[in-house]
Amino acid sequence: MKITIKAGGPLRDRIECNGAGENLLEMPEGSHVSDVFFALGLEFDAVRVIMKNGRALQSDEALSDGDRLGMFPRELAFNTMTAISFFNPLARKEKAGES
């Protein structure tokens, strides 16, 4: 199966990425997020925030063909999570009676 890796910041220098910080990775069926670390030669502590298809992960999930993994190092973790919260439509939803 093929998954797309989107690397942020210094991770782009540690794994082979195109100009947009992306890498298409071929993984065996039944792979999990943790298997991507081994495939890319990354230590677990190199990545602080992992997103799968636009949502932050809380555990080691199974991957499916076409999944997109965003991987961000510790130095970008706060900015990444702040941006996710800001762009979440629920965070911008107006309360009834406000305009």
PDB file of N, CA and C in Angstrom:
ATOM      1  N   MET A   1       0.840  -1.175   0.000  1.00  0.00           N
ATOM      2  CA  MET A   1       0.000   0.000   0.000  1.00  0.00           C
ATOM      3  C   MET A   1       0.885   1.237   0.000  1.00  0.00           C
ATOM      4  N   LYS A   2       0.351   2.326  -0.517  1.00  0.00           N
ATOM      5  CA  LYS A   2       1.109   3.572  -0.584  1.00  0.00           C
ATOM      6  C   LYS A   2       0.499   4.598   0.363  1.00  0.00           C
ATOM      7  N   ILE A   3       1.375   5.243   1.129  1.00  0.00           N
ATOM      8  CA  ILE A   3       0.948   6.324   2.004  1.00  0.00           C
ATOM      9  C   ILE A   3       1.820   7.546   1.708  1.00  0.00           C
ATOM     10  N   THR A   4       1.297   8.706   2.006  1.00  0.00           N
ATOM     11  CA  THR A   4       2.040   9.939   1.814  1.00  0.00           C
ATOM     12  C   THR A   4       2.488  10.446   3.171  1.00  0.00           C
ATOM     13  N   ILE A   5       3.767  10.795   3.267  1.00  0.00           N
ATOM     14  CA  ILE A   5       4.337  11.366   4.469  1.00  0.00           C
ATOM     15  C   ILE A   5       4.538  12.848   4.214  1.00  0.00           C
ATOM     16  N   LYS A   6       4.046  13.674   5.112  1.00  0.00           N
ATOM     17  CA  LYS A   6       4.274  15.124   5.075  1.00  0.00           C
ATOM     18  C   LYS A   6       5.126  15.450   6.288  1.00  0.00           C
ATOM     19  N   ALA A   7       6.368  15.851   6.049  1.00  0.00           N
ATOM     20  CA  ALA A   7       7.299  16.136   7.139  1.00  0.00           C
ATOM     21  C   ALA A   7       7.408  17.639   7.356  1.00  0.00           C
ATOM     22  N   GLY A   8       7.494  18.029   8.614  1.00  0.00           N
ATOM     23  CA  GLY A   8       7.616  19.435   8.948  1.00  0.00           C
ATOM     24  C   GLY A   8       8.995  19.773   9.474  1.00  0.00           C
ATOM     25  N   GLY A   9       9.438  20.982   9.191  1.00  0.00           N
ATOM     26  CA  GLY A   9      10.688  21.515   9.732  1.00  0.00           C
ATOM     27  C   GLY A   9      11.901  20.665   9.446  1.00  0.00           C
ATOM     28  N   PRO A  10      12.746  20.445  10.469  1.00  0.00           N
ATOM     29  CA  PRO A  10      13.994  19.713  10.285  1.00  0.00           C
ATOM     30  C   PRO A  10      13.816  18.261   9.867  1.00  0.00           C
ATOM     31  N   LEU A  11      12.619  17.707  10.041  1.00  0.00           N
ATOM     32  CA  LEU A  11      12.404  16.323   9.595  1.00  0.00           C
ATOM     33  C   LEU A  11      12.562  16.208   8.085  1.00  0.00           C
ATOM     34  N   ARG A  12      12.301  17.287   7.379  1.00  0.00           N
ATOM     35  CA  ARG A  12      12.458  17.273   5.915  1.00  0.00           C
ATOM     36  C   ARG A  12      13.891  16.956   5.511  1.00  0.00           C
ATOM     37  N   ASP A  13      14.846  17.360   6.347  1.00  0.00           N
ATOM     38  CA  ASP A  13      16.251  17.089   6.053  1.00  0.00           C
ATOM     39  C   ASP A  13      16.650  15.671   6.433  1.00  0.00           C
ATOM     40  N   ARG A  14      15.886  15.059   7.326  1.00  0.00           N
ATOM     41  CA  ARG A  14      16.236  13.720   7.808  1.00  0.00           C
ATOM     42  C   ARG A  14      15.663  12.603   6.957  1.00  0.00           C
ATOM     43  N   ILE A  15      14.581  12.898   6.220  1.00  0.00           N
ATOM     44  CA  ILE A  15      14.001  11.903   5.327  1.00  0.00           C
ATOM     45  C   ILE A  15      13.918  12.500   3.929  1.00  0.00           C
ATOM     46  N   GLU A  16      13.921  11.663   2.935  1.00  0.00           N
ATOM     47  CA  GLU A  16      13.872  12.134   1.555  1.00  0.00           C
ATOM     48  C   GLU A  16      12.486  12.694   1.251  1.00  0.00           C
ATOM     49  N   CYS A  17      12.431  13.986   0.904  1.00  0.00           N
ATOM     50  CA  CYS A  17      11.161  14.654   0.624  1.00  0.00           C
ATOM     51  C   CYS A  17      11.279  15.475  -0.655  1.00  0.00           C
ATOM     52  N   ASN A  18      10.134  15.734  -1.269  1.00  0.00           N
ATOM     53  CA  ASN A  18      10.139  16.657  -2.401  1.00  0.00           C
ATOM     54  C   ASN A  18      10.123  18.084  -1.868  1.00  0.00           C
ATOM     55  N   GLY A  19       9.992  19.068  -2.723  1.00  0.00           N
ATOM     56  CA  GLY A  19      10.030  20.467  -2.325  1.00  0.00           C
ATOM     57  C   GLY A  19       8.936  20.863  -1.356  1.00  0.00           C
ATOM     58  N   ALA A  20       7.817  20.131  -1.354  1.00  0.00           N
ATOM     59  CA  ALA A  20       6.709  20.438  -0.446  1.00  0.00           C
ATOM     60  C   ALA A  20       6.817  19.669   0.867  1.00  0.00           C
ATOM     61  N   GLY A  21       7.925  18.955   1.058  1.00  0.00           N
ATOM     62  CA  GLY A  21       8.106  18.188   2.288  1.00  0.00           C
ATOM     63  C   GLY A  21       7.346  16.885   2.301  1.00  0.00           C
ATOM     64  N   GLU A  22       7.012  16.362   1.115  1.00  0.00           N
ATOM     65  CA  GLU A  22       6.244  15.115   1.040  1.00  0.00           C
ATOM     66  C   GLU A  22       7.081  13.976   0.484  1.00  0.00           C
ATOM     67  N   ASN A  23       6.682  12.784   0.867  1.00  0.00           N
ATOM     68  CA  ASN A  23       7.357  11.567   0.434  1.00  0.00           C
ATOM     69  C   ASN A  23       6.291  10.488   0.276  1.00  0.00           C
ATOM     70  N   LEU A  24       6.284   9.812  -0.854  1.00  0.00           N
ATOM     71  CA  LEU A  24       5.377   8.688  -1.071  1.00  0.00           C
ATOM     72  C   LEU A  24       6.101   7.430  -0.621  1.00  0.00           C
ATOM     73  N   LEU A  25       5.492   6.695   0.281  1.00  0.00           N
ATOM     74  CA  LEU A  25       6.137   5.542   0.894  1.00  0.00           C
ATOM     75  C   LEU A  25       5.316   4.293   0.642  1.00  0.00           C
ATOM     76  N   GLU A  26       5.969   3.251   0.184  1.00  0.00           N
ATOM     77  CA  GLU A  26       5.340   1.950  -0.028  1.00  0.00           C
ATOM     78  C   GLU A  26       5.498   1.148   1.264  1.00  0.00           C
ATOM     79  N   MET A  27       4.376   0.704   1.824  1.00  0.00           N
ATOM     80  CA  MET A  27       4.382  -0.064   3.072  1.00  0.00           C
ATOM     81  C   MET A  27       3.615  -1.362   2.865  1.00  0.00           C
ATOM     82  N   PRO A  28       3.980  -2.430   3.584  1.00  0.00           N
ATOM     83  CA  PRO A  28       3.236  -3.684   3.479  1.00  0.00           C
ATOM     84  C   PRO A  28       1.825  -3.546   4.060  1.00  0.00           C
ATOM     85  N   GLU A  29       0.895  -4.312   3.528  1.00  0.00           N
ATOM     86  CA  GLU A  29      -0.462  -4.344   4.083  1.00  0.00           C
ATOM     87  C   GLU A  29      -0.384  -4.706   5.562  1.00  0.00           C
ATOM     88  N   GLY A  30      -1.237  -4.093   6.366  1.00  0.00           N
ATOM     89  CA  GLY A  30      -1.267  -4.374   7.788  1.00  0.00           C
ATOM     90  C   GLY A  30      -0.276  -3.552   8.607  1.00  0.00           C
ATOM     91  N   SER A  31       0.431  -2.613   7.958  1.00  0.00           N
ATOM     92  CA  SER A  31       1.393  -1.774   8.680  1.00  0.00           C
ATOM     93  C   SER A  31       0.683  -0.800   9.607  1.00  0.00           C
ATOM     94  N   HIS A  32       1.400  -0.403  10.642  1.00  0.00           N
ATOM     95  CA  HIS A  32       0.928   0.588  11.602  1.00  0.00           C
ATOM     96  C   HIS A  32       1.810   1.831  11.515  1.00  0.00           C
ATOM     97  N   VAL A  33       1.380   2.873  12.174  1.00  0.00           N
ATOM     98  CA  VAL A  33       2.134   4.124  12.168  1.00  0.00           C
ATOM     99  C   VAL A  33       3.561   3.896  12.662  1.00  0.00           C
ATOM    100  N   SER A  34       3.735   3.093  13.691  1.00  0.00           N
ATOM    101  CA  SER A  34       5.079   2.837  14.223  1.00  0.00           C
ATOM    102  C   SER A  34       6.002   2.218  13.182  1.00  0.00           C
ATOM    103  N   ASP A  35       5.456   1.443  12.245  1.00  0.00           N
ATOM    104  CA  ASP A  35       6.271   0.829  11.195  1.00  0.00           C
ATOM    105  C   ASP A  35       6.884   1.877  10.267  1.00  0.00           C
ATOM    106  N   VAL A  36       6.226   3.021  10.145  1.00  0.00           N
ATOM    107  CA  VAL A  36       6.740   4.098   9.291  1.00  0.00           C
ATOM    108  C   VAL A  36       8.055   4.632   9.856  1.00  0.00           C
ATOM    109  N   PHE A  37       8.171   4.709  11.184  1.00  0.00           N
ATOM    110  CA  PHE A  37       9.414   5.172  11.794  1.00  0.00           C
ATOM    111  C   PHE A  37      10.580   4.288  11.370  1.00  0.00           C
ATOM    112  N   PHE A  38      10.372   2.978  11.417  1.00  0.00           N
ATOM    113  CA  PHE A  38      11.432   2.044  11.027  1.00  0.00           C
ATOM    114  C   PHE A  38      11.751   2.185   9.541  1.00  0.00           C
ATOM    115  N   ALA A  39      10.717   2.321   8.712  1.00  0.00           N
ATOM    116  CA  ALA A  39      10.923   2.454   7.267  1.00  0.00           C
ATOM    117  C   ALA A  39      11.699   3.723   6.918  1.00  0.00           C
ATOM    118  N   LEU A  40      11.496   4.783   7.695  1.00  0.00           N
ATOM    119  CA  LEU A  40      12.173   6.059   7.435  1.00  0.00           C
ATOM    120  C   LEU A  40      13.481   6.210   8.211  1.00  0.00           C
ATOM    121  N   GLY A  41      13.767   5.272   9.103  1.00  0.00           N
ATOM    122  CA  GLY A  41      14.984   5.356   9.903  1.00  0.00           C
ATOM    123  C   GLY A  41      14.929   6.448  10.957  1.00  0.00           C
ATOM    124  N   LEU A  42      13.733   6.720  11.486  1.00  0.00           N
ATOM    125  CA  LEU A  42      13.548   7.759  12.497  1.00  0.00           C
ATOM    126  C   LEU A  42      13.422   7.148  13.890  1.00  0.00           C
ATOM    127  N   GLU A  43      13.967   7.849  14.877  1.00  0.00           N
ATOM    128  CA  GLU A  43      13.751   7.467  16.259  1.00  0.00           C
ATOM    129  C   GLU A  43      12.376   8.005  16.670  1.00  0.00           C
ATOM    130  N   PHE A  44      11.725   7.343  17.607  1.00  0.00           N
ATOM    131  CA  PHE A  44      10.394   7.768  18.040  1.00  0.00           C
ATOM    132  C   PHE A  44      10.404   9.168  18.636  1.00  0.00           C
ATOM    133  N   ASP A  45      11.491   9.530  19.326  1.00  0.00           N
ATOM    134  CA  ASP A  45      11.521  10.854  19.952  1.00  0.00           C
ATOM    135  C   ASP A  45      11.820  11.982  18.973  1.00  0.00           C
ATOM    136  N   ALA A  46      12.049  11.666  17.701  1.00  0.00           N
ATOM    137  CA  ALA A  46      12.285  12.705  16.686  1.00  0.00           C
ATOM    138  C   ALA A  46      10.989  13.394  16.274  1.00  0.00           C
ATOM    139  N   VAL A  47       9.857  12.740  16.562  1.00  0.00           N
ATOM    140  CA  VAL A  47       8.556  13.260  16.147  1.00  0.00           C
ATOM    141  C   VAL A  47       7.697  13.487  17.371  1.00  0.00           C
ATOM    142  N   ARG A  48       7.112  14.676  17.478  1.00  0.00           N
ATOM    143  CA  ARG A  48       6.272  14.997  18.634  1.00  0.00           C
ATOM    144  C   ARG A  48       4.787  14.921  18.303  1.00  0.00           C
ATOM    145  N   VAL A  49       4.412  15.366  17.098  1.00  0.00           N
ATOM    146  CA  VAL A  49       3.009  15.351  16.673  1.00  0.00           C
ATOM    147  C   VAL A  49       2.904  14.518  15.403  1.00  0.00           C
ATOM    148  N   ILE A  50       1.969  13.575  15.413  1.00  0.00           N
ATOM    149  CA  ILE A  50       1.682  12.762  14.229  1.00  0.00           C
ATOM    150  C   ILE A  50       0.204  12.924  13.919  1.00  0.00           C
ATOM    151  N   MET A  51      -0.071  13.203  12.669  1.00  0.00           N
ATOM    152  CA  MET A  51      -1.456  13.330  12.233  1.00  0.00           C
ATOM    153  C   MET A  51      -1.711  12.309  11.122  1.00  0.00           C
ATOM    154  N   LYS A  52      -2.876  11.710  11.185  1.00  0.00           N
ATOM    155  CA  LYS A  52      -3.283  10.766  10.139  1.00  0.00           C
ATOM    156  C   LYS A  52      -4.541  11.324   9.490  1.00  0.00           C
ATOM    157  N   ASN A  53      -4.435  11.620   8.221  1.00  0.00           N
ATOM    158  CA  ASN A  53      -5.560  12.162   7.457  1.00  0.00           C
ATOM    159  C   ASN A  53      -6.182  13.385   8.126  1.00  0.00           C
ATOM    160  N   GLY A  54      -5.323  14.258   8.656  1.00  0.00           N
ATOM    161  CA  GLY A  54      -5.779  15.525   9.190  1.00  0.00           C
ATOM    162  C   GLY A  54      -6.180  15.553  10.651  1.00  0.00           C
ATOM    163  N   ARG A  55      -6.006  14.450  11.368  1.00  0.00           N
ATOM    164  CA  ARG A  55      -6.343  14.473  12.789  1.00  0.00           C
ATOM    165  C   ARG A  55      -5.182  13.906  13.604  1.00  0.00           C
ATOM    166  N   ALA A  56      -4.984  14.489  14.777  1.00  0.00           N
ATOM    167  CA  ALA A  56      -3.879  14.067  15.636  1.00  0.00           C
ATOM    168  C   ALA A  56      -4.118  12.653  16.147  1.00  0.00           C
ATOM    169  N   LEU A  57      -3.052  11.868  16.195  1.00  0.00           N
ATOM    170  CA  LEU A  57      -3.141  10.486  16.678  1.00  0.00           C
ATOM    171  C   LEU A  57      -2.861  10.419  18.169  1.00  0.00           C
ATOM    172  N   GLN A  58      -3.534   9.518  18.825  1.00  0.00           N
ATOM    173  CA  GLN A  58      -3.313   9.269  20.242  1.00  0.00           C
ATOM    174  C   GLN A  58      -2.683   7.897  20.482  1.00  0.00           C
ATOM    175  N   SER A  59      -2.682   7.042  19.445  1.00  0.00           N
ATOM    176  CA  SER A  59      -2.136   5.697  19.607  1.00  0.00           C
ATOM    177  C   SER A  59      -1.594   5.204  18.271  1.00  0.00           C
ATOM    178  N   ASP A  60      -0.981   4.046  18.304  1.00  0.00           N
ATOM    179  CA  ASP A  60      -0.401   3.437  17.109  1.00  0.00           C
ATOM    180  C   ASP A  60      -1.511   2.803  16.278  1.00  0.00           C
ATOM    181  N   GLU A  61      -1.943   3.487  15.246  1.00  0.00           N
ATOM    182  CA  GLU A  61      -3.076   3.023  14.444  1.00  0.00           C
ATOM    183  C   GLU A  61      -2.609   2.267  13.200  1.00  0.00           C
ATOM    184  N   ALA A  62      -3.488   1.418  12.707  1.00  0.00           N
ATOM    185  CA  ALA A  62      -3.236   0.721  11.451  1.00  0.00           C
ATOM    186  C   ALA A  62      -3.347   1.713  10.300  1.00  0.00           C
ATOM    187  N   LEU A  63      -2.598   1.449   9.236  1.00  0.00           N
ATOM    188  CA  LEU A  63      -2.615   2.296   8.048  1.00  0.00           C
ATOM    189  C   LEU A  63      -3.396   1.627   6.932  1.00  0.00           C
ATOM    190  N   SER A  64      -3.947   2.453   6.054  1.00  0.00           N
ATOM    191  CA  SER A  64      -4.656   1.967   4.871  1.00  0.00           C
ATOM    192  C   SER A  64      -4.060   2.636   3.650  1.00  0.00           C
ATOM    193  N   ASP A  65      -4.233   1.999   2.509  1.00  0.00           N
ATOM    194  CA  ASP A  65      -3.743   2.570   1.259  1.00  0.00           C
ATOM    195  C   ASP A  65      -4.308   3.975   1.073  1.00  0.00           C
ATOM    196  N   GLY A  66      -3.449   4.927   0.731  1.00  0.00           N
ATOM    197  CA  GLY A  66      -3.873   6.299   0.489  1.00  0.00           C
ATOM    198  C   GLY A  66      -3.841   7.208   1.704  1.00  0.00           C
ATOM    199  N   ASP A  67      -3.533   6.658   2.886  1.00  0.00           N
ATOM    200  CA  ASP A  67      -3.462   7.498   4.087  1.00  0.00           C
ATOM    201  C   ASP A  67      -2.366   8.547   3.944  1.00  0.00           C
ATOM    202  N   ARG A  68      -2.560   9.662   4.664  1.00  0.00           N
ATOM    203  CA  ARG A  68      -1.572  10.744   4.721  1.00  0.00           C
ATOM    204  C   ARG A  68      -1.152  10.912   6.175  1.00  0.00           C
ATOM    205  N   LEU A  69       0.162  10.858   6.407  1.00  0.00           N
ATOM    206  CA  LEU A  69       0.703  11.063   7.750  1.00  0.00           C
ATOM    207  C   LEU A  69       1.467  12.371   7.780  1.00  0.00           C
ATOM    208  N   GLY A  70       1.098  13.246   8.687  1.00  0.00           N
ATOM    209  CA  GLY A  70       1.863  14.458   8.947  1.00  0.00           C
ATOM    210  C   GLY A  70       2.730  14.202  10.163  1.00  0.00           C
ATOM    211  N   MET A  71       4.024  14.497  10.048  1.00  0.00           N
ATOM    212  CA  MET A  71       4.963  14.249  11.138  1.00  0.00           C
ATOM    213  C   MET A  71       5.698  15.553  11.438  1.00  0.00           C
ATOM    214  N   PHE A  72       5.629  15.976  12.693  1.00  0.00           N
ATOM    215  CA  PHE A  72       6.210  17.252  13.079  1.00  0.00           C
ATOM    216  C   PHE A  72       7.114  17.074  14.285  1.00  0.00           C
ATOM    217  N   PRO A  73       8.306  17.685  14.260  1.00  0.00           N
ATOM    218  CA  PRO A  73       9.243  17.542  15.370  1.00  0.00           C
ATOM    219  C   PRO A  73       8.830  18.379  16.574  1.00  0.00           C
ATOM    220  N   ARG A  74       9.505  18.147  17.662  1.00  0.00           N
ATOM    221  CA  ARG A  74       9.219  18.821  18.930  1.00  0.00           C
ATOM    222  C   ARG A  74       9.194  20.342  18.770  1.00  0.00           C
ATOM    223  N   GLU A  75      10.141  20.896  18.011  1.00  0.00           N
ATOM    224  CA  GLU A  75      10.229  22.350  17.905  1.00  0.00           C
ATOM    225  C   GLU A  75       9.056  22.976  17.150  1.00  0.00           C
ATOM    226  N   LEU A  76       8.269  22.176  16.424  1.00  0.00           N
ATOM    227  CA  LEU A  76       7.096  22.691  15.722  1.00  0.00           C
ATOM    228  C   LEU A  76       5.784  22.225  16.342  1.00  0.00           C
ATOM    229  N   ALA A  77       5.849  21.424  17.375  1.00  0.00           N
ATOM    230  CA  ALA A  77       4.644  20.792  17.922  1.00  0.00           C
ATOM    231  C   ALA A  77       3.612  21.807  18.396  1.00  0.00           C
ATOM    232  N   PHE A  78       4.025  22.802  19.167  1.00  0.00           N
ATOM    233  CA  PHE A  78       3.060  23.766  19.696  1.00  0.00           C
ATOM    234  C   PHE A  78       2.417  24.551  18.556  1.00  0.00           C
ATOM    235  N   ASN A  79       3.223  25.027  17.622  1.00  0.00           N
ATOM    236  CA  ASN A  79       2.688  25.791  16.493  1.00  0.00           C
ATOM    237  C   ASN A  79       1.731  24.951  15.660  1.00  0.00           C
ATOM    238  N   THR A  80       2.052  23.685  15.483  1.00  0.00           N
ATOM    239  CA  THR A  80       1.203  22.798  14.688  1.00  0.00           C
ATOM    240  C   THR A  80      -0.149  22.611  15.367  1.00  0.00           C
ATOM    241  N   MET A  81      -0.149  22.311  16.646  1.00  0.00           N
ATOM    242  CA  MET A  81      -1.411  22.077  17.346  1.00  0.00           C
ATOM    243  C   MET A  81      -2.228  23.363  17.461  1.00  0.00           C
ATOM    244  N   THR A  82      -1.567  24.509  17.606  1.00  0.00           N
ATOM    245  CA  THR A  82      -2.281  25.784  17.645  1.00  0.00           C
ATOM    246  C   THR A  82      -2.957  26.043  16.308  1.00  0.00           C
ATOM    247  N   ALA A  83      -2.244  25.803  15.225  1.00  0.00           N
ATOM    248  CA  ALA A  83      -2.813  26.021  13.892  1.00  0.00           C
ATOM    249  C   ALA A  83      -3.982  25.080  13.639  1.00  0.00           C
ATOM    250  N   ILE A  84      -3.859  23.835  14.068  1.00  0.00           N
ATOM    251  CA  ILE A  84      -4.950  22.877  13.878  1.00  0.00           C
ATOM    252  C   ILE A  84      -6.194  23.373  14.605  1.00  0.00           C
ATOM    253  N   SER A  85      -6.018  23.834  15.840  1.00  0.00           N
ATOM    254  CA  SER A  85      -7.155  24.324  16.607  1.00  0.00           C
ATOM    255  C   SER A  85      -7.764  25.556  15.958  1.00  0.00           C
ATOM    256  N   PHE A  86      -6.919  26.430  15.444  1.00  0.00           N
ATOM    257  CA  PHE A  86      -7.404  27.663  14.832  1.00  0.00           C
ATOM    258  C   PHE A  86      -8.210  27.372  13.570  1.00  0.00           C
ATOM    259  N   PHE A  87      -7.740  26.415  12.772  1.00  0.00           N
ATOM    260  CA  PHE A  87      -8.410  26.117  11.510  1.00  0.00           C
ATOM    261  C   PHE A  87      -9.573  25.150  11.655  1.00  0.00           C
ATOM    262  N   ASN A  88      -9.765  24.601  12.840  1.00  0.00           N
ATOM    263  CA  ASN A  88     -10.894  23.714  13.088  1.00  0.00           C
ATOM    264  C   ASN A  88     -12.175  24.539  12.986  1.00  0.00           C
ATOM    265  N   PRO A  89     -13.127  24.148  12.134  1.00  0.00           N
ATOM    266  CA  PRO A  89     -14.341  24.942  11.977  1.00  0.00           C
ATOM    267  C   PRO A  89     -15.120  25.119  13.279  1.00  0.00           C
ATOM    268  N   LEU A  90     -15.049  24.158  14.175  1.00  0.00           N
ATOM    269  CA  LEU A  90     -15.766  24.285  15.444  1.00  0.00           C
ATOM    270  C   LEU A  90     -15.165  25.393  16.312  1.00  0.00           C
ATOM    271  N   ALA A  91     -13.860  25.630  16.169  1.00  0.00           N
ATOM    272  CA  ALA A  91     -13.209  26.673  16.959  1.00  0.00           C
ATOM    273  C   ALA A  91     -13.631  28.059  16.493  1.00  0.00           C
ATOM    274  N   ARG A  92     -14.081  28.177  15.244  1.00  0.00           N
ATOM    275  CA  ARG A  92     -14.462  29.473  14.691  1.00  0.00           C
ATOM    276  C   ARG A  92     -15.972  29.659  14.624  1.00  0.00           C
ATOM    277  N   LYS A  93     -16.722  28.655  15.027  1.00  0.00           N
ATOM    278  CA  LYS A  93     -18.171  28.726  14.916  1.00  0.00           C
ATOM    279  C   LYS A  93     -18.725  29.829  15.805  1.00  0.00           C
ATOM    280  N   GLU A  94     -19.570  30.654  15.234  1.00  0.00           N
ATOM    281  CA  GLU A  94     -20.155  31.754  15.994  1.00  0.00           C
ATOM    282  C   GLU A  94     -21.253  31.232  16.917  1.00  0.00           C
ATOM    283  N   LYS A  95     -21.337  31.830  18.072  1.00  0.00           N
ATOM    284  CA  LYS A  95     -22.400  31.472  19.009  1.00  0.00           C
ATOM    285  C   LYS A  95     -23.701  32.120  18.537  1.00  0.00           C
ATOM    286  N   ALA A  96     -24.799  31.517  18.884  1.00  0.00           N
ATOM    287  CA  ALA A  96     -26.106  32.057  18.506  1.00  0.00           C
ATOM    288  C   ALA A  96     -26.235  33.489  19.019  1.00  0.00           C
ATOM    289  N   GLY A  97     -26.656  34.397  18.160  1.00  0.00           N
ATOM    290  CA  GLY A  97     -26.865  35.773  18.547  1.00  0.00           C
ATOM    291  C   GLY A  97     -25.650  36.653  18.361  1.00  0.00           C
ATOM    292  N   GLU A  98     -24.452  36.061  18.062  1.00  0.00           N
ATOM    293  CA  GLU A  98     -23.254  36.860  17.807  1.00  0.00           C
ATOM    294  C   GLU A  98     -23.031  36.959  16.315  1.00  0.00           C
ATOM    295  N   SER A  99     -22.438  38.040  15.880  1.00  0.00           N
ATOM    296  CA  SER A  99     -22.136  38.156  14.460  1.00  0.00           C
ATOM    297  C   SER A  99     -20.721  38.604  14.242  1.00  0.00           C
TER     298      SER A  99
END
